[in-house]
Protein backbone atom coordinates (compact mmCIF):
# COMPACT_ATOMS: atom_id res chain seq x y z
CA MET A 1 0.00 0.00 0.00
CA ALA A 2 1.45 3.34 -1.03
CA HIS A 3 2.24 5.90 1.65
CA ASP A 4 -0.26 8.78 1.83
CA HIS A 5 2.60 11.35 1.86
CA LYS A 6 0.77 13.73 4.16
CA PHE A 7 3.00 16.26 5.87
CA ARG A 8 4.55 15.29 9.19
CA PHE A 9 6.90 17.35 11.32
CA GLY A 10 9.53 16.26 13.80
CA VAL A 11 12.09 17.91 16.07
CA GLN A 12 15.63 16.71 16.68
CA ALA A 13 16.61 17.58 20.24
CA GLY A 14 19.88 16.92 22.02
CA GLY A 15 18.30 17.01 25.44
CA THR A 16 18.58 19.57 28.20
CA HIS A 17 20.17 18.32 31.42
CA ASP A 18 17.28 19.84 33.40
CA PRO A 19 14.69 17.06 33.93
CA ALA A 20 11.75 19.45 34.23
CA ALA A 21 12.79 21.34 31.11
CA TRP A 22 13.15 18.09 29.11
CA LYS A 23 9.64 17.00 30.07
CA GLU A 24 8.24 20.42 29.23
CA LEU A 25 10.03 20.41 25.88
CA ALA A 26 8.44 17.09 24.90
CA ARG A 27 5.00 18.25 25.99
CA LYS A 28 5.39 21.50 24.08
CA MET A 29 6.29 19.65 20.86
CA GLU A 30 3.22 17.48 21.26
CA GLY A 31 1.00 20.48 21.96
CA LEU A 32 2.22 22.29 18.85
CA GLY A 33 1.32 19.36 16.61
CA TYR A 34 4.73 17.86 15.97
CA SER A 35 4.63 14.16 15.20
CA THR A 36 7.98 13.01 16.56
CA LEU A 37 10.79 13.89 18.92
CA PHE A 38 14.11 12.56 17.63
CA MET A 39 17.46 12.39 19.39
CA PRO A 40 20.94 12.06 17.84
CA ASP A 41 23.62 9.62 19.02
CA HIS A 42 27.03 11.16 19.68
CA PHE A 43 29.64 11.03 22.42
CA ILE A 44 31.70 14.19 22.17
CA ASP A 45 28.70 16.51 22.60
CA THR A 46 26.70 17.31 25.73
CA GLU A 47 23.48 15.70 24.51
CA LEU A 48 21.72 13.00 26.48
CA ALA A 49 21.79 9.30 25.58
CA PRO A 50 19.02 8.85 23.01
CA MET A 51 17.45 5.57 24.14
CA VAL A 52 16.99 6.89 27.66
CA GLY A 53 16.01 10.40 26.58
CA ILE A 54 13.24 9.29 24.25
CA SER A 55 11.91 6.93 26.92
CA PHE A 56 11.45 9.85 29.31
CA ALA A 57 9.83 11.93 26.56
CA ALA A 58 7.38 9.13 25.77
CA ALA A 59 6.52 8.73 29.45
CA VAL A 60 5.33 12.35 29.81
CA THR A 61 3.35 12.56 26.55
CA GLU A 62 0.31 10.78 25.13
CA GLN A 63 0.65 10.77 21.35
CA LEU A 64 4.13 12.13 20.58
CA ARG A 65 6.19 9.59 18.69
CA VAL A 66 9.84 9.19 19.65
CA GLY A 67 12.89 8.06 17.76
CA MET A 68 16.61 8.19 17.12
CA LEU A 69 18.09 10.22 14.27
CA VAL A 70 20.02 7.99 14.25
CA LEU A 71 21.84 5.43 16.40
CA GLY A 72 25.40 4.66 15.35
CA ASN A 73 25.43 0.93 14.65
CA ASP A 74 29.08 0.51 15.62
CA TYR A 75 28.47 1.75 19.18
CA LYS A 76 26.36 -1.22 20.29
CA HIS A 77 25.63 -4.81 19.27
CA PRO A 78 22.49 -4.81 17.09
CA ALA A 79 20.77 -7.52 19.16
CA VAL A 80 21.15 -5.32 22.25
CA THR A 81 19.88 -2.32 20.29
CA ALA A 82 16.88 -4.33 19.06
CA LYS A 83 15.95 -5.41 22.60
CA GLU A 84 16.21 -1.89 24.00
CA ALA A 85 14.25 -0.44 21.09
CA ALA A 86 11.51 -3.05 21.41
CA THR A 87 11.27 -2.19 25.11
CA VAL A 88 10.76 1.49 24.25
CA ASP A 89 8.09 0.53 21.73
CA VAL A 90 6.26 -1.64 24.29
CA LEU A 91 6.39 0.91 27.09
CA SER A 92 5.38 3.79 24.78
CA GLU A 93 2.46 1.72 23.45
CA GLY A 94 3.81 1.63 19.92
CA ARG A 95 5.25 5.12 19.38
CA LEU A 96 8.83 4.30 18.36
CA GLU A 97 10.51 5.27 15.07
CA PHE A 98 13.72 3.28 14.99
CA GLY A 99 16.68 5.07 13.42
CA LEU A 100 19.89 3.16 12.71
CA GLY A 101 22.90 4.36 10.75
CA ALA A 102 26.37 3.26 9.75
CA GLY A 103 28.09 5.84 11.98
CA TRP A 104 29.83 8.85 10.47
CA MET A 105 31.36 11.29 12.98
CA GLN A 106 35.05 10.47 13.14
CA THR A 107 35.61 12.23 16.45
CA ASP A 108 33.14 9.85 18.14
CA TYR A 109 35.17 6.87 16.98
CA GLU A 110 38.40 8.48 18.13
CA ALA A 111 36.98 9.28 21.57
CA LEU A 112 35.82 5.69 22.06
CA GLY A 113 38.93 4.08 20.60
CA LEU A 114 36.93 2.46 17.79
CA ALA A 115 38.39 1.74 14.38
CA TYR A 116 37.02 4.22 11.83
CA ASP A 117 36.65 1.81 8.93
CA PRO A 118 36.01 2.97 5.36
CA PRO A 119 32.37 3.80 4.54
CA GLY A 120 31.85 0.57 2.60
CA ALA A 121 32.77 -1.57 5.63
CA ARG A 122 30.52 0.43 7.95
CA ILE A 123 27.61 0.18 5.51
CA GLU A 124 28.12 -3.58 5.19
CA ARG A 125 27.91 -3.87 8.98
CA LEU A 126 24.77 -1.76 8.98
CA ALA A 127 23.11 -4.03 6.41
CA GLU A 128 23.99 -7.05 8.53
CA ALA A 129 22.80 -5.31 11.70
CA LEU A 130 19.43 -4.58 10.10
CA ALA A 131 19.03 -8.28 9.37
CA ILE A 132 19.66 -9.02 13.04
CA VAL A 133 17.20 -6.36 14.22
CA ASN A 134 14.51 -7.75 11.96
CA GLY A 135 15.32 -11.28 13.14
CA ALA A 136 15.10 -10.27 16.79
CA TRP A 137 11.73 -8.62 16.19
CA GLY A 138 10.38 -11.58 14.20
CA ASP A 139 8.49 -14.64 15.38
CA GLY A 140 10.56 -17.17 17.28
CA PRO A 141 14.30 -17.88 17.40
CA PHE A 142 16.60 -17.12 14.48
CA ASP A 143 20.19 -17.75 13.42
CA HIS A 144 22.59 -15.42 11.67
CA HIS A 145 26.09 -16.18 10.45
CA GLY A 146 27.82 -13.23 8.81
CA PRO A 147 31.25 -11.62 8.58
CA ASN A 148 30.54 -9.31 11.53
CA TYR A 149 27.93 -10.98 13.73
CA THR A 150 26.90 -14.49 14.75
CA ILE A 151 23.51 -15.27 16.30
CA ARG A 152 22.49 -18.74 17.46
CA SER A 153 18.86 -19.69 18.15
CA TYR A 154 18.10 -16.27 19.61
CA ASN A 155 14.52 -15.22 20.26
CA GLY A 156 14.51 -11.49 20.89
CA LEU A 157 12.13 -10.48 23.67
CA PRO A 158 10.12 -8.41 24.15
CA LYS A 159 8.60 -8.18 20.70
CA PRO A 160 7.65 -4.65 19.60
CA THR A 161 4.06 -3.48 19.94
CA GLN A 162 4.03 -2.19 16.36
CA GLN A 163 3.71 -5.02 13.88
CA PRO A 164 5.27 -6.25 11.75
CA ARG A 165 7.85 -3.83 13.21
CA PRO A 166 8.37 -0.21 14.26
CA PRO A 167 9.15 2.04 11.29
CA ILE A 168 12.86 1.89 10.44
CA VAL A 169 14.58 5.20 9.68
CA ILE A 170 17.78 5.24 7.63
CA GLY A 171 19.35 8.42 6.29
CA GLY A 172 22.27 8.98 3.98
CA GLY A 173 23.92 11.09 1.35
CA GLY A 174 25.79 8.61 -0.85
CA PRO A 175 24.62 6.02 -3.36
CA ARG A 176 25.41 2.87 -1.44
CA LEU A 177 23.73 3.92 1.79
CA LEU A 178 20.69 5.43 0.07
CA ARG A 179 20.16 2.30 -2.01
CA LEU A 180 20.31 0.28 1.21
CA ALA A 181 17.82 2.68 2.79
CA GLY A 182 15.50 2.30 -0.19
CA ARG A 183 15.64 -1.46 0.18
CA GLU A 184 15.34 -1.75 3.97
CA ALA A 185 13.83 1.38 5.53
CA ASP A 186 10.31 2.69 5.95
CA ILE A 187 11.46 6.30 6.38
CA VAL A 188 14.44 7.53 4.34
CA GLY A 189 16.35 10.65 5.33
CA ILE A 190 17.85 12.61 2.41
CA ASN A 191 21.01 13.93 4.04
CA PRO A 192 24.23 15.74 3.14
CA ASN A 193 27.05 13.40 2.17
CA LEU A 194 29.17 13.12 5.32
CA ARG A 195 31.99 11.14 3.73
CA ALA A 196 34.57 13.43 5.35
CA GLY A 197 33.50 12.29 8.82
CA ALA A 198 32.53 15.83 9.77
CA ILE A 199 30.16 18.60 8.68
CA THR A 200 32.20 20.39 6.06
CA ALA A 201 31.57 22.74 3.14
CA ASP A 202 31.69 19.65 0.94
CA ALA A 203 28.77 18.16 2.88
CA ILE A 204 26.69 21.30 2.48
CA GLN A 205 27.51 21.54 -1.22
CA SER A 206 26.32 17.95 -1.65
CA ALA A 207 22.81 19.07 -0.65
CA VAL A 208 22.17 21.48 -3.54
CA ALA A 209 18.96 20.87 -5.47
CA ASP A 210 20.33 18.74 -8.31
CA GLN A 211 22.26 16.56 -5.86
CA THR A 212 19.11 16.10 -3.80
CA VAL A 213 17.31 14.86 -6.91
CA GLN A 214 20.19 12.44 -7.55
CA LYS A 215 19.95 11.12 -3.98
CA ILE A 216 16.25 10.41 -4.38
CA THR A 217 17.07 8.54 -7.59
CA TRP A 218 19.45 6.30 -5.60
CA VAL A 219 16.69 5.64 -3.08
CA ARG A 220 14.34 4.71 -5.91
CA GLU A 221 16.93 2.33 -7.35
CA GLY A 222 17.21 0.53 -4.03
CA ALA A 223 13.49 0.49 -3.35
CA GLY A 224 12.23 -0.70 -6.71
CA ASP A 225 8.51 -1.43 -6.56
CA ARG A 226 8.28 -0.39 -2.90
CA PHE A 227 9.37 3.21 -3.52
CA ASP A 228 5.84 4.60 -3.18
CA ASP A 229 5.58 2.93 0.23
CA LEU A 230 8.47 5.01 1.59
CA GLU A 231 8.23 8.23 3.55
CA LEU A 232 10.99 10.67 2.55
CA GLN A 233 12.39 12.92 5.24
CA ILE A 234 14.72 15.93 5.37
CA ARG A 235 16.35 17.30 8.51
CA TYR A 236 16.69 21.04 7.81
CA TYR A 237 19.88 22.35 9.39
CA LEU A 238 19.39 25.91 8.11
CA SER A 239 15.83 26.84 8.99
CA ALA A 240 14.30 30.18 9.89
CA ILE A 241 11.02 32.05 9.70
CA THR A 242 12.11 35.43 8.40
CA ASP A 243 11.02 38.29 6.17
CA ASP A 244 14.52 38.48 4.72
CA ALA A 245 15.40 35.03 3.41
CA ARG A 246 17.66 36.52 0.76
CA GLY A 247 19.63 38.55 3.27
CA LEU A 248 20.20 35.49 5.44
CA ALA A 249 21.33 33.48 2.43
CA ASP A 250 23.63 36.27 1.25
CA ALA A 251 25.29 36.28 4.67
CA LEU A 252 25.72 32.52 5.12
CA ALA A 253 26.02 30.92 1.69
CA PRO A 254 29.52 32.15 0.73
CA GLY A 255 30.99 30.43 3.79
CA PHE A 256 29.96 27.10 2.26
CA GLY A 257 31.00 27.92 -1.29
CA LEU A 258 27.42 28.44 -2.49
CA THR A 259 25.50 31.28 -4.05
CA ALA A 260 22.48 32.60 -2.19
CA ASP A 261 20.16 31.01 -4.76
CA GLU A 262 21.87 27.63 -4.42
CA ALA A 263 21.62 27.79 -0.65
CA LEU A 264 17.92 28.67 -0.61
CA ALA A 265 17.11 25.86 -3.05
CA SER A 266 19.24 23.26 -1.28
CA GLY A 267 18.03 20.24 0.61
CA THR A 268 19.31 21.58 3.92
CA ALA A 269 17.62 25.02 3.89
CA LEU A 270 14.06 26.00 4.80
CA VAL A 271 13.92 29.77 5.07
CA GLY A 272 11.27 32.45 4.52
CA THR A 273 7.98 33.78 5.77
CA VAL A 274 5.33 31.29 6.89
CA ASP A 275 3.66 31.56 3.49
CA GLN A 276 6.94 31.12 1.64
CA VAL A 277 7.94 28.10 3.72
CA CYS A 278 4.56 26.47 3.15
CA ASP A 279 4.88 27.06 -0.59
CA THR A 280 8.42 25.60 -0.56
CA LEU A 281 7.29 22.48 1.27
CA HIS A 282 4.40 21.95 -1.12
CA GLU A 283 6.77 22.32 -4.07
CA ARG A 284 9.32 19.91 -2.59
CA ARG A 285 6.65 17.34 -1.87
CA GLU A 286 5.50 17.63 -5.47
CA THR A 287 8.96 17.49 -7.05
CA TRP A 288 11.04 15.51 -4.54
CA GLY A 289 8.34 13.52 -2.72
CA VAL A 290 9.56 14.76 0.68
CA SER A 291 6.74 15.04 3.21
CA TYR A 292 8.48 14.52 6.57
CA ILE A 293 10.17 17.67 7.84
CA VAL A 294 12.53 17.68 10.83
CA LEU A 295 13.72 20.86 12.54
CA GLY A 296 16.05 21.59 15.43
CA ASP A 297 14.97 22.31 18.99
CA ASP A 298 16.34 25.84 18.71
CA ASN A 299 13.58 27.12 16.44
CA PHE A 300 10.71 24.64 16.32
CA GLU A 301 8.38 27.07 18.09
CA SER A 302 8.77 29.68 15.35
CA PHE A 303 7.64 27.04 12.81
CA ALA A 304 4.46 26.27 14.76
CA PRO A 305 2.26 28.23 12.28
CA VAL A 306 3.66 26.08 9.44
CA VAL A 307 2.92 22.90 11.38
CA ALA A 308 -0.59 24.11 12.19
CA ARG A 309 -1.27 24.79 8.52
CA LEU A 310 0.29 21.71 6.91
CA ALA A 311 0.47 18.78 9.36
CA GLY A 312 -1.77 15.96 8.19
CA THR A 313 -2.59 17.56 4.83
């Protein structure tokens, strides 16, 4: 069954260290009509641990979905990840969106003393990890014998509340990862290409409009006949409600080697008045198929009028 491609909005939040403020933040997102609170997974930043943070957010809300954007597969055995994620899904009464990635931030690997393997090796491990997650969430015991993981007669418990599984979120910016996402995910994030292991000008330049179209083509190649079942997502790193979108672009774009027009049309920017942003999102849903919009916790309140107008339409 094809996805309805109605607009949904999420917020990626690192997590305040004030318990009362974290609870209030989750409740505010829910009250403003956001679908999902996402948390990233890094070690050199001050953000909270995502699996624990989203559990607390789910506990103080009624309908807000929670998820990871995304867990680094190399930081934890996938069978452990699957069990913890299923637990969140059970205790939240089926509100988990499960994000798993190959890992990309080189400084995380250095801090933990982990080998920072080439992208191809990390993506191979991710593909194998996804097979283990699906096995753990399936009916009865399963076996897995691969180059990175071995599972023997393991029956993952608890099973998730959502069946046949919680939605799987995979994001990427290169062909191999996006084809994998098209094949395995339910929600596909169209991201900058982070091949440098850090957010660089190269990553931002990889998100210009024509590159975004190319990325969606890679997703389609991986998905085949199931492409229409996918929900396409963009996390907007440059987002602002402003009467002077051009002025903001003129000020910021040259630092990333882009023109103002390239920056405003890129797959990382969502800038303008409420009317302009709504028009942009309608156009991008029509041309790119992107209907799931994720913002940061620094400005989600200013986008509330956009959410009120578009969510669920």
